[in-house]
Amino acid sequence: LAENDFGGDGNFGFDLMALKVNADLANDWGNLVNRTINMTRKYFPDETVTMPEKRSHSEAIYESFRMLKTELREKLDRVDSKGYAQTCSARSRILNLYIDKMKPWALAKAGAKEDLREVLFTLMEGIRWTATAFLPILPQGMLEVFRQLGVPAAEPMGGIAKREGGAVGFKPGEPKPIYPRILLPEADEAQVPKKGKT
């Protein structure tokens, strides 16, 4: 879906699929979910992390997710399945960049508890929204994301339209890989042409 336009000729190969799954789902999305849950469990082990009363550095993230419903609606109206999938993946990258910018591990070391709480809530809320958006096209994996976050799953159809920010608190469970990397078999050495005279 993320590589081919709906209604046109598509290009499919298992090697291309593996590259896309590894890049977008295993590395980008899967690592985001895993390390966010790990940090939350480490820094707030006995707490339910809720929305902070004030935001000091996360407003741009919330603005991006406020725009998500409209962007996805536009993709659906145009039957743009490629654009829909890419819009979901873009939110995953935004959240990963937020981690790189805020460095939650440094906030924890500095004792900046409220800033750390804001970062981790923002990440988990962003993951909840992104999983809701992904749900119609990746149902099994996203249901596992909701389970690991410790929150109710969204409705599979139309869930993003009903999503409201800050409606839940998070006390995540133990993280497990959602999309393991796909390892393609190495080419048979006997079938690989060798350089030189033939």
N, C-alpha and C. Protein backbone atom coordinates (compact mmCIF):
# COMPACT_ATOMS: atom_id res chain seq x y z
N LEU A 1 0.82 -1.21 0.00
CA LEU A 1 0.00 0.00 0.00
C LEU A 1 0.85 1.26 0.00
N ALA A 2 1.94 1.25 0.73
CA ALA A 2 2.75 2.46 0.86
C ALA A 2 3.63 2.71 -0.36
N GLU A 3 3.70 1.75 -1.25
CA GLU A 3 4.61 1.88 -2.39
C GLU A 3 3.90 2.02 -3.73
N ASN A 4 2.64 1.62 -3.81
CA ASN A 4 1.95 1.58 -5.10
C ASN A 4 0.67 2.40 -5.07
N ASP A 5 0.44 3.14 -6.14
CA ASP A 5 -0.78 3.93 -6.25
C ASP A 5 -1.97 3.03 -6.53
N PHE A 6 -3.09 3.31 -5.89
CA PHE A 6 -4.29 2.53 -6.09
C PHE A 6 -4.81 2.73 -7.52
N GLY A 7 -5.15 1.61 -8.18
CA GLY A 7 -5.72 1.69 -9.51
C GLY A 7 -4.72 1.65 -10.63
N GLY A 8 -3.43 1.71 -10.31
CA GLY A 8 -2.41 1.66 -11.35
C GLY A 8 -1.60 0.39 -11.26
N ASP A 9 -0.68 0.22 -12.20
CA ASP A 9 0.20 -0.93 -12.15
C ASP A 9 1.12 -0.80 -10.94
N GLY A 10 1.33 -1.91 -10.27
CA GLY A 10 2.18 -1.91 -9.09
C GLY A 10 3.43 -2.73 -9.28
N ASN A 11 4.38 -2.51 -8.43
CA ASN A 11 5.64 -3.25 -8.46
C ASN A 11 5.77 -4.00 -7.14
N PHE A 12 5.79 -5.33 -7.21
CA PHE A 12 5.88 -6.12 -5.99
C PHE A 12 6.98 -7.15 -6.10
N GLY A 13 7.72 -7.29 -5.03
CA GLY A 13 8.70 -8.35 -4.91
C GLY A 13 8.93 -8.60 -3.43
N PHE A 14 9.23 -9.83 -3.05
CA PHE A 14 9.42 -10.12 -1.64
C PHE A 14 10.61 -9.37 -1.06
N ASP A 15 11.63 -9.13 -1.90
CA ASP A 15 12.76 -8.37 -1.40
C ASP A 15 12.37 -6.92 -1.13
N LEU A 16 11.54 -6.34 -2.01
CA LEU A 16 11.08 -4.97 -1.80
C LEU A 16 10.17 -4.88 -0.58
N MET A 17 9.31 -5.88 -0.41
CA MET A 17 8.43 -5.90 0.75
C MET A 17 9.24 -5.98 2.04
N ALA A 18 10.27 -6.83 2.04
CA ALA A 18 11.11 -6.98 3.24
C ALA A 18 11.81 -5.67 3.58
N LEU A 19 12.32 -4.99 2.56
CA LEU A 19 12.99 -3.70 2.79
C LEU A 19 12.02 -2.69 3.41
N LYS A 20 10.78 -2.65 2.90
CA LYS A 20 9.79 -1.69 3.39
C LYS A 20 9.36 -2.03 4.81
N VAL A 21 9.11 -3.31 5.07
CA VAL A 21 8.71 -3.72 6.42
C VAL A 21 9.83 -3.42 7.41
N ASN A 22 11.06 -3.76 7.04
CA ASN A 22 12.18 -3.53 7.95
C ASN A 22 12.39 -2.04 8.23
N ALA A 23 12.27 -1.21 7.19
CA ALA A 23 12.54 0.21 7.36
C ALA A 23 11.41 0.91 8.12
N ASP A 24 10.16 0.71 7.68
CA ASP A 24 9.05 1.49 8.22
C ASP A 24 8.43 0.87 9.47
N LEU A 25 8.35 -0.45 9.52
CA LEU A 25 7.63 -1.10 10.62
C LEU A 25 8.57 -1.64 11.70
N ALA A 26 9.60 -2.36 11.31
CA ALA A 26 10.52 -2.92 12.31
C ALA A 26 11.41 -1.84 12.91
N ASN A 27 12.08 -1.07 12.06
CA ASN A 27 13.03 -0.07 12.56
C ASN A 27 12.33 1.17 13.10
N ASP A 28 11.58 1.85 12.25
CA ASP A 28 11.02 3.15 12.62
C ASP A 28 9.89 3.01 13.64
N TRP A 29 8.82 2.35 13.27
CA TRP A 29 7.65 2.22 14.12
C TRP A 29 7.89 1.28 15.30
N GLY A 30 8.41 0.11 15.01
CA GLY A 30 8.62 -0.88 16.08
C GLY A 30 9.58 -0.39 17.15
N ASN A 31 10.68 0.24 16.75
CA ASN A 31 11.62 0.77 17.73
C ASN A 31 11.02 1.91 18.53
N LEU A 32 10.21 2.74 17.87
CA LEU A 32 9.54 3.83 18.59
C LEU A 32 8.67 3.28 19.71
N VAL A 33 7.83 2.31 19.40
CA VAL A 33 6.94 1.74 20.41
C VAL A 33 7.75 1.08 21.52
N ASN A 34 8.75 0.30 21.14
CA ASN A 34 9.53 -0.46 22.12
C ASN A 34 10.29 0.45 23.07
N ARG A 35 10.99 1.44 22.55
CA ARG A 35 11.81 2.25 23.45
C ARG A 35 10.96 3.22 24.27
N THR A 36 9.82 3.67 23.72
CA THR A 36 8.93 4.52 24.51
C THR A 36 8.38 3.77 25.71
N ILE A 37 7.92 2.55 25.48
CA ILE A 37 7.39 1.74 26.58
C ILE A 37 8.49 1.41 27.58
N ASN A 38 9.67 1.06 27.09
CA ASN A 38 10.77 0.74 28.00
C ASN A 38 11.13 1.94 28.88
N MET A 39 11.20 3.14 28.30
CA MET A 39 11.55 4.32 29.08
C MET A 39 10.46 4.65 30.09
N THR A 40 9.20 4.48 29.70
CA THR A 40 8.11 4.77 30.63
C THR A 40 8.13 3.82 31.81
N ARG A 41 8.35 2.57 31.54
CA ARG A 41 8.41 1.58 32.62
C ARG A 41 9.63 1.81 33.52
N LYS A 42 10.70 2.30 32.94
CA LYS A 42 11.93 2.54 33.71
C LYS A 42 11.80 3.78 34.59
N TYR A 43 11.29 4.88 34.04
CA TYR A 43 11.28 6.16 34.75
C TYR A 43 10.03 6.39 35.58
N PHE A 44 8.92 5.72 35.23
CA PHE A 44 7.67 5.84 35.99
C PHE A 44 7.11 4.44 36.24
N PRO A 45 7.85 3.61 37.00
CA PRO A 45 7.49 2.19 37.10
C PRO A 45 6.17 1.91 37.79
N ASP A 46 5.76 2.76 38.70
CA ASP A 46 4.55 2.48 39.48
C ASP A 46 3.47 3.54 39.28
N GLU A 47 3.55 4.25 38.15
CA GLU A 47 2.62 5.34 37.92
C GLU A 47 1.85 5.15 36.62
N THR A 48 0.65 5.71 36.59
CA THR A 48 -0.08 5.88 35.35
C THR A 48 0.24 7.29 34.84
N VAL A 49 0.86 7.37 33.68
CA VAL A 49 1.30 8.65 33.14
C VAL A 49 0.12 9.33 32.45
N THR A 50 -0.24 10.51 32.94
CA THR A 50 -1.39 11.24 32.40
C THR A 50 -0.94 12.54 31.75
N MET A 51 -1.87 13.17 31.05
CA MET A 51 -1.56 14.40 30.33
C MET A 51 -1.16 15.51 31.30
N PRO A 52 -0.04 16.17 31.06
CA PRO A 52 0.37 17.27 31.95
C PRO A 52 -0.59 18.45 31.86
N GLU A 53 -0.66 19.21 32.95
CA GLU A 53 -1.55 20.38 32.96
C GLU A 53 -1.06 21.45 31.99
N LYS A 54 0.26 21.58 31.86
CA LYS A 54 0.83 22.57 30.96
C LYS A 54 1.80 21.89 30.01
N ARG A 55 1.90 22.42 28.81
CA ARG A 55 2.86 21.92 27.83
C ARG A 55 3.97 22.95 27.66
N SER A 56 5.19 22.48 27.75
CA SER A 56 6.31 23.41 27.60
C SER A 56 7.09 23.20 26.31
N HIS A 57 6.96 22.03 25.68
CA HIS A 57 7.79 21.76 24.49
C HIS A 57 7.13 20.79 23.50
N SER A 58 5.88 20.44 23.71
CA SER A 58 5.25 19.42 22.87
C SER A 58 4.14 19.96 21.98
N GLU A 59 3.95 21.26 21.94
CA GLU A 59 2.82 21.82 21.20
C GLU A 59 2.89 21.48 19.72
N ALA A 60 4.09 21.51 19.13
CA ALA A 60 4.22 21.21 17.70
C ALA A 60 3.80 19.77 17.39
N ILE A 61 4.07 18.86 18.32
CA ILE A 61 3.65 17.46 18.13
C ILE A 61 2.13 17.37 18.15
N TYR A 62 1.51 18.03 19.10
CA TYR A 62 0.05 18.00 19.19
C TYR A 62 -0.59 18.64 17.96
N GLU A 63 0.00 19.69 17.46
CA GLU A 63 -0.53 20.34 16.27
C GLU A 63 -0.49 19.39 15.08
N SER A 64 0.58 18.63 14.96
CA SER A 64 0.69 17.66 13.87
C SER A 64 -0.41 16.61 13.95
N PHE A 65 -0.71 16.15 15.16
CA PHE A 65 -1.74 15.13 15.31
C PHE A 65 -3.15 15.72 15.19
N ARG A 66 -3.30 16.99 15.50
CA ARG A 66 -4.60 17.63 15.26
C ARG A 66 -4.91 17.67 13.76
N MET A 67 -3.88 17.75 12.95
CA MET A 67 -4.05 17.79 11.50
C MET A 67 -4.25 16.41 10.89
N LEU A 68 -3.99 15.36 11.67
CA LEU A 68 -3.99 14.00 11.13
C LEU A 68 -5.35 13.58 10.60
N LYS A 69 -6.42 13.87 11.32
CA LYS A 69 -7.75 13.46 10.87
C LYS A 69 -8.06 14.04 9.49
N THR A 70 -7.78 15.33 9.33
CA THR A 70 -8.08 15.98 8.05
C THR A 70 -7.24 15.39 6.93
N GLU A 71 -5.96 15.16 7.19
CA GLU A 71 -5.07 14.61 6.17
C GLU A 71 -5.53 13.22 5.73
N LEU A 72 -5.90 12.39 6.69
CA LEU A 72 -6.34 11.03 6.35
C LEU A 72 -7.67 11.05 5.62
N ARG A 73 -8.56 11.95 6.02
CA ARG A 73 -9.85 12.07 5.33
C ARG A 73 -9.65 12.44 3.87
N GLU A 74 -8.69 13.34 3.60
CA GLU A 74 -8.40 13.73 2.22
C GLU A 74 -7.87 12.54 1.42
N LYS A 75 -7.03 11.72 2.04
CA LYS A 75 -6.49 10.54 1.33
C LYS A 75 -7.61 9.54 1.03
N LEU A 76 -8.50 9.35 1.98
CA LEU A 76 -9.60 8.40 1.77
C LEU A 76 -10.55 8.90 0.69
N ASP A 77 -10.82 10.19 0.69
CA ASP A 77 -11.73 10.74 -0.32
C ASP A 77 -11.17 10.58 -1.73
N ARG A 78 -9.85 10.57 -1.85
CA ARG A 78 -9.20 10.40 -3.16
C ARG A 78 -8.84 8.94 -3.44
N VAL A 79 -9.25 8.03 -2.53
CA VAL A 79 -8.88 6.61 -2.63
C VAL A 79 -7.35 6.49 -2.82
N ASP A 80 -6.64 7.23 -2.00
CA ASP A 80 -5.18 7.29 -2.08
C ASP A 80 -4.60 6.43 -0.96
N SER A 81 -4.58 5.12 -1.19
CA SER A 81 -4.09 4.21 -0.15
C SER A 81 -2.61 4.40 0.12
N LYS A 82 -1.84 4.72 -0.91
CA LYS A 82 -0.42 4.99 -0.73
C LYS A 82 -0.21 6.20 0.16
N GLY A 83 -0.93 7.28 -0.13
CA GLY A 83 -0.83 8.49 0.67
C GLY A 83 -1.28 8.27 2.10
N TYR A 84 -2.32 7.43 2.29
CA TYR A 84 -2.81 7.12 3.63
C TYR A 84 -1.70 6.45 4.45
N ALA A 85 -1.09 5.42 3.88
CA ALA A 85 -0.04 4.69 4.61
C ALA A 85 1.16 5.60 4.89
N GLN A 86 1.52 6.43 3.93
CA GLN A 86 2.67 7.32 4.12
C GLN A 86 2.38 8.39 5.17
N THR A 87 1.14 8.84 5.25
CA THR A 87 0.77 9.82 6.27
C THR A 87 0.91 9.23 7.66
N CYS A 88 0.52 7.97 7.81
CA CYS A 88 0.68 7.29 9.10
C CYS A 88 2.16 7.16 9.45
N SER A 89 2.96 6.71 8.50
CA SER A 89 4.39 6.52 8.75
C SER A 89 5.09 7.84 9.09
N ALA A 90 4.60 8.93 8.50
CA ALA A 90 5.20 10.24 8.77
C ALA A 90 5.08 10.60 10.24
N ARG A 91 3.96 10.22 10.89
CA ARG A 91 3.79 10.52 12.32
C ARG A 91 4.78 9.74 13.15
N SER A 92 5.07 8.53 12.75
CA SER A 92 6.07 7.74 13.46
C SER A 92 7.43 8.44 13.42
N ARG A 93 7.79 8.98 12.27
CA ARG A 93 9.07 9.69 12.15
C ARG A 93 9.09 10.96 12.99
N ILE A 94 7.95 11.67 13.04
CA ILE A 94 7.86 12.88 13.86
C ILE A 94 8.13 12.55 15.33
N LEU A 95 7.57 11.46 15.80
CA LEU A 95 7.76 11.07 17.20
C LEU A 95 9.19 10.64 17.46
N ASN A 96 9.80 9.95 16.53
CA ASN A 96 11.21 9.57 16.70
C ASN A 96 12.11 10.79 16.74
N LEU A 97 11.82 11.78 15.91
CA LEU A 97 12.60 13.02 15.94
C LEU A 97 12.41 13.75 17.26
N TYR A 98 11.22 13.67 17.82
CA TYR A 98 10.95 14.29 19.12
C TYR A 98 11.80 13.64 20.21
N ILE A 99 11.96 12.34 20.16
CA ILE A 99 12.84 11.65 21.11
C ILE A 99 14.27 12.16 20.96
N ASP A 100 14.74 12.23 19.71
CA ASP A 100 16.12 12.68 19.48
C ASP A 100 16.33 14.11 19.97
N LYS A 101 15.31 14.94 19.82
CA LYS A 101 15.41 16.34 20.23
C LYS A 101 15.39 16.48 21.75
N MET A 102 14.47 15.78 22.41
CA MET A 102 14.26 15.98 23.85
C MET A 102 15.17 15.12 24.72
N LYS A 103 15.67 14.01 24.19
CA LYS A 103 16.59 13.14 24.93
C LYS A 103 16.04 12.81 26.34
N PRO A 104 15.01 11.98 26.41
CA PRO A 104 14.40 11.68 27.72
C PRO A 104 15.39 11.14 28.74
N TRP A 105 16.39 10.38 28.32
CA TRP A 105 17.38 9.83 29.24
C TRP A 105 18.17 10.95 29.92
N ALA A 106 18.42 12.05 29.18
CA ALA A 106 19.12 13.19 29.77
C ALA A 106 18.22 13.93 30.76
N LEU A 107 16.93 14.04 30.43
CA LEU A 107 15.99 14.66 31.36
C LEU A 107 15.91 13.86 32.66
N ALA A 108 15.90 12.54 32.54
CA ALA A 108 15.86 11.70 33.73
C ALA A 108 17.11 11.88 34.57
N LYS A 109 18.26 11.95 33.92
CA LYS A 109 19.52 12.13 34.64
C LYS A 109 19.57 13.47 35.35
N ALA A 110 18.96 14.50 34.72
CA ALA A 110 18.96 15.84 35.31
C ALA A 110 17.88 16.01 36.36
N GLY A 111 17.02 15.02 36.52
CA GLY A 111 15.95 15.12 37.50
C GLY A 111 14.78 15.99 37.07
N ALA A 112 14.66 16.23 35.75
CA ALA A 112 13.58 17.08 35.22
C ALA A 112 12.33 16.22 35.05
N LYS A 113 11.70 15.88 36.16
CA LYS A 113 10.63 14.90 36.18
C LYS A 113 9.42 15.33 35.35
N GLU A 114 9.02 16.59 35.47
CA GLU A 114 7.81 17.03 34.77
C GLU A 114 8.05 17.13 33.27
N ASP A 115 9.23 17.58 32.86
CA ASP A 115 9.55 17.59 31.43
C ASP A 115 9.57 16.16 30.89
N LEU A 116 10.13 15.25 31.68
CA LEU A 116 10.19 13.85 31.27
C LEU A 116 8.78 13.27 31.15
N ARG A 117 7.92 13.61 32.09
CA ARG A 117 6.54 13.13 32.05
C ARG A 117 5.83 13.62 30.79
N GLU A 118 6.06 14.90 30.45
CA GLU A 118 5.44 15.46 29.25
C GLU A 118 5.92 14.75 28.00
N VAL A 119 7.22 14.49 27.93
CA VAL A 119 7.77 13.81 26.76
C VAL A 119 7.16 12.43 26.60
N LEU A 120 7.16 11.65 27.68
CA LEU A 120 6.70 10.26 27.57
C LEU A 120 5.19 10.18 27.33
N PHE A 121 4.42 11.08 27.96
CA PHE A 121 2.98 11.08 27.66
C PHE A 121 2.75 11.45 26.19
N THR A 122 3.45 12.46 25.72
CA THR A 122 3.29 12.88 24.32
C THR A 122 3.62 11.75 23.37
N LEU A 123 4.68 11.02 23.67
CA LEU A 123 5.06 9.89 22.81
C LEU A 123 4.00 8.80 22.82
N MET A 124 3.53 8.43 23.99
CA MET A 124 2.53 7.36 24.06
C MET A 124 1.20 7.80 23.45
N GLU A 125 0.83 9.06 23.65
CA GLU A 125 -0.40 9.55 23.03
C GLU A 125 -0.26 9.58 21.51
N GLY A 126 0.91 9.99 21.03
CA GLY A 126 1.16 9.97 19.59
C GLY A 126 1.14 8.57 19.02
N ILE A 127 1.68 7.62 19.76
CA ILE A 127 1.65 6.22 19.34
C ILE A 127 0.20 5.72 19.29
N ARG A 128 -0.59 6.11 20.29
CA ARG A 128 -2.01 5.69 20.32
C ARG A 128 -2.75 6.22 19.09
N TRP A 129 -2.53 7.46 18.75
CA TRP A 129 -3.16 8.05 17.57
C TRP A 129 -2.67 7.38 16.29
N THR A 130 -1.36 7.18 16.21
CA THR A 130 -0.81 6.57 14.99
C THR A 130 -1.28 5.14 14.83
N ALA A 131 -1.35 4.39 15.93
CA ALA A 131 -1.86 3.02 15.86
C ALA A 131 -3.32 3.01 15.42
N THR A 132 -4.10 4.00 15.86
CA THR A 132 -5.49 4.10 15.44
C THR A 132 -5.57 4.35 13.93
N ALA A 133 -4.70 5.21 13.43
CA ALA A 133 -4.68 5.49 11.99
C ALA A 133 -4.24 4.27 11.19
N PHE A 134 -3.26 3.54 11.71
CA PHE A 134 -2.75 2.34 11.03
C PHE A 134 -3.73 1.17 11.08
N LEU A 135 -4.64 1.18 12.04
CA LEU A 135 -5.45 0.00 12.35
C LEU A 135 -6.19 -0.60 11.14
N PRO A 136 -6.82 0.20 10.26
CA PRO A 136 -7.54 -0.42 9.14
C PRO A 136 -6.64 -1.18 8.17
N ILE A 137 -5.35 -0.83 8.12
CA ILE A 137 -4.48 -1.49 7.14
C ILE A 137 -3.49 -2.46 7.79
N LEU A 138 -3.30 -2.35 9.11
CA LEU A 138 -2.39 -3.25 9.82
C LEU A 138 -3.07 -3.68 11.13
N PRO A 139 -4.19 -4.39 11.03
CA PRO A 139 -5.01 -4.63 12.23
C PRO A 139 -4.33 -5.44 13.33
N GLN A 140 -3.68 -6.54 12.99
CA GLN A 140 -3.15 -7.41 14.03
C GLN A 140 -2.04 -6.73 14.82
N GLY A 141 -1.10 -6.12 14.12
CA GLY A 141 0.01 -5.46 14.80
C GLY A 141 -0.45 -4.30 15.67
N MET A 142 -1.44 -3.53 15.21
CA MET A 142 -1.89 -2.38 15.98
C MET A 142 -2.65 -2.79 17.23
N LEU A 143 -3.40 -3.88 17.17
CA LEU A 143 -4.07 -4.37 18.37
C LEU A 143 -3.04 -4.73 19.45
N GLU A 144 -1.90 -5.24 19.03
CA GLU A 144 -0.83 -5.54 19.97
C GLU A 144 -0.22 -4.26 20.55
N VAL A 145 -0.16 -3.21 19.75
CA VAL A 145 0.33 -1.93 20.27
C VAL A 145 -0.58 -1.42 21.39
N PHE A 146 -1.89 -1.45 21.17
CA PHE A 146 -2.83 -1.01 22.20
C PHE A 146 -2.66 -1.85 23.47
N ARG A 147 -2.49 -3.14 23.29
CA ARG A 147 -2.34 -4.02 24.45
C ARG A 147 -1.09 -3.66 25.23
N GLN A 148 0.01 -3.42 24.54
CA GLN A 148 1.25 -3.08 25.22
C GLN A 148 1.18 -1.71 25.90
N LEU A 149 0.45 -0.78 25.30
CA LEU A 149 0.26 0.54 25.93
C LEU A 149 -0.64 0.46 27.16
N GLY A 150 -1.44 -0.60 27.26
CA GLY A 150 -2.36 -0.74 28.38
C GLY A 150 -3.60 0.11 28.24
N VAL A 151 -4.03 0.34 26.98
CA VAL A 151 -5.22 1.18 26.73
C VAL A 151 -6.19 0.39 25.85
N PRO A 152 -7.47 0.77 25.87
CA PRO A 152 -8.45 0.08 25.00
C PRO A 152 -8.11 0.28 23.53
N ALA A 153 -8.37 -0.73 22.75
CA ALA A 153 -8.14 -0.64 21.30
C ALA A 153 -9.19 0.27 20.68
N ALA A 154 -8.79 0.95 19.61
CA ALA A 154 -9.72 1.78 18.86
C ALA A 154 -10.63 0.90 18.01
N GLU A 155 -11.71 1.47 17.55
CA GLU A 155 -12.57 0.75 16.62
C GLU A 155 -11.83 0.58 15.29
N PRO A 156 -11.93 -0.59 14.66
CA PRO A 156 -11.15 -0.83 13.44
C PRO A 156 -11.54 0.05 12.28
N MET A 157 -12.79 0.46 12.19
CA MET A 157 -13.23 1.33 11.11
C MET A 157 -13.78 2.62 11.69
N GLY A 158 -13.20 3.74 11.29
CA GLY A 158 -13.68 5.03 11.77
C GLY A 158 -13.15 5.43 13.12
N GLY A 159 -12.19 4.67 13.65
CA GLY A 159 -11.68 4.98 14.98
C GLY A 159 -10.97 6.32 15.06
N ILE A 160 -10.26 6.69 14.00
CA ILE A 160 -9.50 7.93 14.03
C ILE A 160 -10.43 9.14 14.09
N ALA A 161 -11.61 9.03 13.49
CA ALA A 161 -12.56 10.15 13.51
C ALA A 161 -13.08 10.41 14.92
N LYS A 162 -13.07 9.38 15.76
CA LYS A 162 -13.59 9.52 17.12
C LYS A 162 -12.50 9.74 18.16
N ARG A 163 -11.25 9.76 17.71
CA ARG A 163 -10.14 9.87 18.64
C ARG A 163 -10.07 11.26 19.24
N GLU A 164 -9.92 11.32 20.57
CA GLU A 164 -9.77 12.58 21.28
C GLU A 164 -8.47 12.54 22.07
N GLY A 165 -7.78 13.66 22.09
CA GLY A 165 -6.49 13.71 22.76
C GLY A 165 -6.61 13.77 24.27
N GLY A 166 -5.66 13.14 24.96
CA GLY A 166 -5.59 13.22 26.42
C GLY A 166 -6.67 12.49 27.16
N ALA A 167 -7.37 11.58 26.49
CA ALA A 167 -8.52 10.92 27.10
C ALA A 167 -8.14 9.76 28.02
N VAL A 168 -6.90 9.32 27.98
CA VAL A 168 -6.50 8.16 28.77
C VAL A 168 -5.16 8.43 29.44
N GLY A 169 -4.88 7.62 30.47
CA GLY A 169 -3.55 7.57 31.05
C GLY A 169 -2.87 6.28 30.61
N PHE A 170 -1.56 6.24 30.77
CA PHE A 170 -0.80 5.09 30.28
C PHE A 170 0.00 4.44 31.40
N LYS A 171 -0.18 3.14 31.53
CA LYS A 171 0.66 2.32 32.38
C LYS A 171 1.00 1.07 31.57
N PRO A 172 2.00 1.18 30.69
CA PRO A 172 2.25 0.12 29.70
C PRO A 172 2.77 -1.16 30.32
N GLY A 173 2.50 -2.24 29.61
CA GLY A 173 3.02 -3.54 30.00
C GLY A 173 4.38 -3.79 29.39
N GLU A 174 4.84 -5.01 29.51
CA GLU A 174 6.16 -5.36 28.99
C GLU A 174 6.16 -5.31 27.46
N PRO A 175 7.13 -4.60 26.87
CA PRO A 175 7.15 -4.50 25.41
C PRO A 175 7.70 -5.77 24.77
N LYS A 176 7.16 -6.09 23.62
CA LYS A 176 7.65 -7.19 22.81
C LYS A 176 7.69 -6.73 21.36
N PRO A 177 8.61 -7.27 20.57
CA PRO A 177 8.68 -6.86 19.16
C PRO A 177 7.35 -7.09 18.46
N ILE A 178 6.89 -6.06 17.76
CA ILE A 178 5.62 -6.16 17.04
C ILE A 178 5.84 -6.58 15.60
N TYR A 179 6.86 -6.02 14.99
CA TYR A 179 7.21 -6.36 13.61
C TYR A 179 8.69 -6.75 13.56
N PRO A 180 9.00 -8.03 13.79
CA PRO A 180 10.40 -8.46 13.70
C PRO A 180 10.94 -8.23 12.29
N ARG A 181 12.22 -8.02 12.20
CA ARG A 181 12.85 -7.83 10.90
C ARG A 181 12.69 -9.08 10.05
N ILE A 182 12.48 -8.88 8.77
CA ILE A 182 12.38 -9.98 7.82
C ILE A 182 13.77 -10.23 7.24
N LEU A 183 14.24 -11.46 7.39
CA LEU A 183 15.54 -11.83 6.84
C LEU A 183 15.33 -12.66 5.60
N LEU A 184 15.79 -12.14 4.48
CA LEU A 184 15.67 -12.88 3.23
C LEU A 184 16.80 -13.89 3.12
N PRO A 185 16.52 -15.06 2.53
CA PRO A 185 17.59 -16.05 2.35
C PRO A 185 18.67 -15.50 1.43
N GLU A 186 19.90 -15.81 1.77
CA GLU A 186 21.00 -15.37 0.93
C GLU A 186 20.97 -16.11 -0.39
N ALA A 187 21.45 -15.44 -1.42
CA ALA A 187 21.46 -16.05 -2.75
C ALA A 187 22.35 -17.28 -2.74
N ASP A 188 21.90 -18.30 -3.43
CA ASP A 188 22.68 -19.53 -3.57
C ASP A 188 23.96 -19.20 -4.32
N GLU A 189 25.09 -19.49 -3.69
CA GLU A 189 26.38 -19.14 -4.29
C GLU A 189 26.55 -19.77 -5.67
N ALA A 190 25.97 -20.95 -5.84
CA ALA A 190 26.12 -21.63 -7.13
C ALA A 190 25.36 -20.92 -8.23
N GLN A 191 24.34 -20.11 -7.84
CA GLN A 191 23.53 -19.44 -8.84
C GLN A 191 24.01 -18.02 -9.13
N VAL A 192 24.97 -17.55 -8.35
CA VAL A 192 25.46 -16.20 -8.55
C VAL A 192 26.55 -16.24 -9.62
N PRO A 193 26.38 -15.49 -10.74
CA PRO A 193 27.38 -15.51 -11.79
C PRO A 193 28.71 -14.95 -11.31
N LYS A 194 29.76 -15.58 -11.69
CA LYS A 194 31.10 -15.14 -11.29
C LYS A 194 31.71 -14.30 -12.40
N LYS A 195 32.52 -13.35 -11.98
CA LYS A 195 33.20 -12.52 -12.94
C LYS A 195 34.32 -13.30 -13.62
N GLY A 196 34.63 -12.93 -14.81
CA GLY A 196 35.70 -13.60 -15.53
C GLY A 196 35.22 -14.19 -16.83
N LYS A 197 36.02 -15.04 -17.40
CA LYS A 197 35.68 -15.64 -18.69
C LYS A 197 34.58 -16.66 -18.51
N THR A 198 33.75 -16.75 -19.54
CA THR A 198 32.68 -17.74 -19.55
C THR A 198 32.85 -18.62 -20.75
